[in-house]
Amino acid sequence: CGRDSHMDKTAPIADFMTPMPHTVGSEQTITFAQKMMQKYDIRHLPVLHGGELYGVVSDRDLGMVAGLNEVNPDETTVEEAMTQEAYTVSQETPLFDVLQEMLEHKYGSAIVVEGAKIIGILTTHDALKLLVDNFPNV
């Protein structure tokens, strides 16, 4: 992150987010999204429809839907597995506020947007990594 070992409550999420996250189209298949996650070692994908943010899907969402008997993951779209309400924030939003919201509402990720454009993502995994990286060395 290139920051001091202490995190300040006003530090913007822009300093901690993963910039330019991978995205997936709502019409892509579950199999396609799962392969993409494996390839890039990620667990959340913002879902686009017509180039705009439409929702978010996690590896867990995909696995649950793919595991249903009547579902063929090669034919079922990401739209069937995604969460409609993606939690979005601006890049100036303090990291602390974002983490509080994620904790309170059990969001798996925060999508950082500038207008309609997705510019970054912060996941619960990223938050845990920040905690570990910023733990004081005793």
C-alpha atoms as a PDB file:
ATOM      1  CA  CYS A   1       0.000   0.000   0.000  1.00  0.00           C
ATOM      2  CA  GLY A   2       2.966   2.315   0.498  1.00  0.00           C
ATOM      3  CA  ARG A   3       1.437   3.760   3.674  1.00  0.00           C
ATOM      4  CA  ASP A   4       2.713   4.057   7.246  1.00  0.00           C
ATOM      5  CA  SER A   5       2.199   1.089   9.526  1.00  0.00           C
ATOM      6  CA  HIS A   6      -0.791   2.855  11.141  1.00  0.00           C
ATOM      7  CA  MET A   7      -4.008   3.417   9.274  1.00  0.00           C
ATOM      8  CA  ASP A   8      -5.775   6.672   9.799  1.00  0.00           C
ATOM      9  CA  LYS A   9      -9.589   6.765   9.956  1.00  0.00           C
ATOM     10  CA  THR A  10      -9.821   9.375   7.222  1.00  0.00           C
ATOM     11  CA  ALA A  11      -7.609   7.538   4.695  1.00  0.00           C
ATOM     12  CA  PRO A  12      -9.596   7.152   1.444  1.00  0.00           C
ATOM     13  CA  ILE A  13     -10.467   3.744   0.055  1.00  0.00           C
ATOM     14  CA  ALA A  14      -8.607   4.714  -3.141  1.00  0.00           C
ATOM     15  CA  ASP A  15      -5.332   4.076  -1.250  1.00  0.00           C
ATOM     16  CA  PHE A  16      -6.296   0.481  -0.446  1.00  0.00           C
ATOM     17  CA  MET A  17      -8.568  -0.772  -3.231  1.00  0.00           C
ATOM     18  CA  THR A  18      -7.557  -3.120  -6.020  1.00  0.00           C
ATOM     19  CA  PRO A  19      -7.679  -0.826  -9.067  1.00  0.00           C
ATOM     20  CA  MET A  20      -9.306  -1.821 -12.367  1.00  0.00           C
ATOM     21  CA  PRO A  21     -10.943  -5.029 -11.167  1.00  0.00           C
ATOM     22  CA  HIS A  22     -11.910  -7.812 -13.542  1.00  0.00           C
ATOM     23  CA  THR A  23     -15.589  -7.792 -14.471  1.00  0.00           C
ATOM     24  CA  VAL A  24     -18.015 -10.227 -16.063  1.00  0.00           C
ATOM     25  CA  GLY A  25     -21.078  -9.709 -18.245  1.00  0.00           C
ATOM     26  CA  SER A  26     -24.477 -10.741 -16.858  1.00  0.00           C
ATOM     27  CA  GLU A  27     -25.034 -12.967 -19.916  1.00  0.00           C
ATOM     28  CA  GLN A  28     -21.791 -14.924 -19.452  1.00  0.00           C
ATOM     29  CA  THR A  29     -22.106 -18.455 -18.080  1.00  0.00           C
ATOM     30  CA  ILE A  30     -21.393 -19.533 -14.522  1.00  0.00           C
ATOM     31  CA  THR A  31     -18.616 -21.774 -15.872  1.00  0.00           C
ATOM     32  CA  PHE A  32     -17.004 -18.783 -17.626  1.00  0.00           C
ATOM     33  CA  ALA A  33     -17.080 -16.714 -14.418  1.00  0.00           C
ATOM     34  CA  GLN A  34     -15.685 -19.577 -12.320  1.00  0.00           C
ATOM     35  CA  LYS A  35     -12.790 -20.087 -14.780  1.00  0.00           C
ATOM     36  CA  MET A  36     -12.084 -16.361 -14.716  1.00  0.00           C
ATOM     37  CA  MET A  37     -11.937 -16.367 -10.903  1.00  0.00           C
ATOM     38  CA  GLN A  38      -9.566 -19.342 -10.895  1.00  0.00           C
ATOM     39  CA  LYS A  39      -7.334 -17.778 -13.552  1.00  0.00           C
ATOM     40  CA  TYR A  40      -6.938 -14.480 -11.696  1.00  0.00           C
ATOM     41  CA  ASP A  41      -7.214 -15.937  -8.160  1.00  0.00           C
ATOM     42  CA  ILE A  42     -10.130 -13.677  -7.208  1.00  0.00           C
ATOM     43  CA  ARG A  43     -13.392 -14.303  -5.367  1.00  0.00           C
ATOM     44  CA  HIS A  44     -15.635 -11.410  -6.422  1.00  0.00           C
ATOM     45  CA  LEU A  45     -16.604 -10.047  -9.827  1.00  0.00           C
ATOM     46  CA  PRO A  46     -18.621  -6.920 -10.534  1.00  0.00           C
ATOM     47  CA  VAL A  47     -21.325  -7.876 -13.051  1.00  0.00           C
ATOM     48  CA  LEU A  48     -21.963  -5.579 -16.003  1.00  0.00           C
ATOM     49  CA  HIS A  49     -25.019  -5.289 -18.198  1.00  0.00           C
ATOM     50  CA  GLY A  50     -24.787  -2.963 -21.193  1.00  0.00           C
ATOM     51  CA  GLY A  51     -21.448  -1.702 -19.839  1.00  0.00           C
ATOM     52  CA  GLU A  52     -22.998  -0.579 -16.527  1.00  0.00           C
ATOM     53  CA  LEU A  53     -22.721  -2.075 -13.055  1.00  0.00           C
ATOM     54  CA  TYR A  54     -25.609  -4.493 -12.612  1.00  0.00           C
ATOM     55  CA  GLY A  55     -24.622  -6.516  -9.553  1.00  0.00           C
ATOM     56  CA  VAL A  56     -21.802  -8.488  -7.983  1.00  0.00           C
ATOM     57  CA  VAL A  57     -21.108 -12.211  -7.880  1.00  0.00           C
ATOM     58  CA  SER A  58     -18.870 -14.188  -5.541  1.00  0.00           C
ATOM     59  CA  ASP A  59     -17.282 -17.593  -5.961  1.00  0.00           C
ATOM     60  CA  ARG A  60     -19.647 -18.765  -3.232  1.00  0.00           C
ATOM     61  CA  ASP A  61     -22.722 -17.513  -5.148  1.00  0.00           C
ATOM     62  CA  LEU A  62     -21.532 -19.305  -8.277  1.00  0.00           C
ATOM     63  CA  GLY A  63     -20.771 -22.524  -6.413  1.00  0.00           C
ATOM     64  CA  MET A  64     -24.168 -22.577  -4.725  1.00  0.00           C
ATOM     65  CA  VAL A  65     -26.097 -22.097  -7.968  1.00  0.00           C
ATOM     66  CA  ALA A  66     -23.830 -24.459  -9.948  1.00  0.00           C
ATOM     67  CA  GLY A  67     -24.459 -27.130  -7.294  1.00  0.00           C
ATOM     68  CA  LEU A  68     -28.228 -27.149  -7.790  1.00  0.00           C
ATOM     69  CA  ASN A  69     -29.467 -30.274  -9.566  1.00  0.00           C
ATOM     70  CA  GLU A  70     -31.456 -28.518 -12.277  1.00  0.00           C
ATOM     71  CA  VAL A  71     -28.646 -26.100 -13.119  1.00  0.00           C
ATOM     72  CA  ASN A  72     -26.177 -26.610 -15.951  1.00  0.00           C
ATOM     73  CA  PRO A  73     -23.331 -24.147 -15.201  1.00  0.00           C
ATOM     74  CA  ASP A  74     -22.324 -24.199 -18.885  1.00  0.00           C
ATOM     75  CA  GLU A  75     -25.743 -22.802 -19.850  1.00  0.00           C
ATOM     76  CA  THR A  76     -26.847 -20.811 -16.808  1.00  0.00           C
ATOM     77  CA  THR A  77     -25.918 -17.119 -16.793  1.00  0.00           C
ATOM     78  CA  VAL A  78     -24.109 -15.137 -14.128  1.00  0.00           C
ATOM     79  CA  GLU A  79     -27.303 -13.080 -13.736  1.00  0.00           C
ATOM     80  CA  GLU A  80     -28.939 -16.121 -12.090  1.00  0.00           C
ATOM     81  CA  ALA A  81     -26.243 -16.253  -9.376  1.00  0.00           C
ATOM     82  CA  MET A  82     -25.387 -12.608  -8.750  1.00  0.00           C
ATOM     83  CA  THR A  83     -26.485 -10.315  -5.936  1.00  0.00           C
ATOM     84  CA  GLN A  84     -28.500  -7.482  -7.439  1.00  0.00           C
ATOM     85  CA  GLU A  85     -27.472  -4.846  -4.913  1.00  0.00           C
ATOM     86  CA  ALA A  86     -23.772  -4.148  -5.213  1.00  0.00           C
ATOM     87  CA  TYR A  87     -22.362  -1.959  -2.422  1.00  0.00           C
ATOM     88  CA  THR A  88     -20.742   1.018  -4.166  1.00  0.00           C
ATOM     89  CA  VAL A  89     -18.647   3.879  -2.826  1.00  0.00           C
ATOM     90  CA  SER A  90     -16.652   6.778  -4.252  1.00  0.00           C
ATOM     91  CA  GLN A  91     -12.858   6.732  -4.129  1.00  0.00           C
ATOM     92  CA  GLU A  92     -12.817   9.513  -1.498  1.00  0.00           C
ATOM     93  CA  THR A  93     -14.888   7.463   0.986  1.00  0.00           C
ATOM     94  CA  PRO A  94     -12.781   6.745   4.088  1.00  0.00           C
ATOM     95  CA  LEU A  95     -11.656   3.123   4.283  1.00  0.00           C
ATOM     96  CA  PHE A  96     -12.872   2.982   7.901  1.00  0.00           C
ATOM     97  CA  ASP A  97     -16.446   3.905   6.863  1.00  0.00           C
ATOM     98  CA  VAL A  98     -16.409   1.301   4.096  1.00  0.00           C
ATOM     99  CA  LEU A  99     -15.202  -1.426   6.479  1.00  0.00           C
ATOM    100  CA  GLN A 100     -17.895  -0.479   9.026  1.00  0.00           C
ATOM    101  CA  GLU A 101     -20.611  -0.778   6.346  1.00  0.00           C
ATOM    102  CA  MET A 102     -19.220  -4.095   5.093  1.00  0.00           C
ATOM    103  CA  LEU A 103     -19.205  -5.437   8.646  1.00  0.00           C
ATOM    104  CA  GLU A 104     -22.669  -4.165   9.529  1.00  0.00           C
ATOM    105  CA  HIS A 105     -24.370  -5.423   6.354  1.00  0.00           C
ATOM    106  CA  LYS A 106     -22.156  -8.485   5.778  1.00  0.00           C
ATOM    107  CA  TYR A 107     -21.102  -7.225   2.333  1.00  0.00           C
ATOM    108  CA  GLY A 108     -18.376  -9.355   0.754  1.00  0.00           C
ATOM    109  CA  SER A 109     -17.062  -6.462  -1.295  1.00  0.00           C
ATOM    110  CA  ALA A 110     -17.251  -2.742  -1.931  1.00  0.00           C
ATOM    111  CA  ILE A 111     -17.145  -1.585  -5.546  1.00  0.00           C
ATOM    112  CA  VAL A 112     -15.438   1.757  -6.025  1.00  0.00           C
ATOM    113  CA  VAL A 113     -17.074   3.857  -8.729  1.00  0.00           C
ATOM    114  CA  GLU A 114     -16.591   7.212 -10.380  1.00  0.00           C
ATOM    115  CA  GLY A 115     -19.955   8.066 -11.878  1.00  0.00           C
ATOM    116  CA  ALA A 116     -20.994   4.935 -13.773  1.00  0.00           C
ATOM    117  CA  LYS A 117     -17.397   3.717 -14.168  1.00  0.00           C
ATOM    118  CA  ILE A 118     -15.952   0.963 -11.957  1.00  0.00           C
ATOM    119  CA  ILE A 119     -12.477   1.961 -10.826  1.00  0.00           C
ATOM    120  CA  GLY A 120     -11.724  -0.467  -8.001  1.00  0.00           C
ATOM    121  CA  ILE A 121     -12.835  -3.107  -5.527  1.00  0.00           C
ATOM    122  CA  LEU A 122     -12.157  -3.912  -1.887  1.00  0.00           C
ATOM    123  CA  THR A 123     -13.125  -7.361  -0.591  1.00  0.00           C
ATOM    124  CA  THR A 124     -13.286  -8.908   2.872  1.00  0.00           C
ATOM    125  CA  HIS A 125     -10.112 -10.795   1.896  1.00  0.00           C
ATOM    126  CA  ASP A 126      -8.382  -7.453   1.144  1.00  0.00           C
ATOM    127  CA  ALA A 127      -9.559  -6.112   4.510  1.00  0.00           C
ATOM    128  CA  LEU A 128      -8.102  -9.104   6.360  1.00  0.00           C
ATOM    129  CA  LYS A 129      -4.820  -8.703   4.471  1.00  0.00           C
ATOM    130  CA  LEU A 130      -4.703  -5.016   5.478  1.00  0.00           C
ATOM    131  CA  LEU A 131      -5.214  -5.997   9.107  1.00  0.00           C
ATOM    132  CA  VAL A 132      -2.425  -8.564   8.986  1.00  0.00           C
ATOM    133  CA  ASP A 133      -0.051  -6.251   7.080  1.00  0.00           C
ATOM    134  CA  ASN A 134      -0.646  -3.387   9.500  1.00  0.00           C
ATOM    135  CA  PHE A 135      -0.434  -5.387  12.693  1.00  0.00           C
ATOM    136  CA  PRO A 136       2.313  -3.965  14.909  1.00  0.00           C
ATOM    137  CA  ASN A 137       5.496  -6.022  14.899  1.00  0.00           C
ATOM    138  CA  VAL A 138       6.125  -7.030  18.480  1.00  0.00           C
END
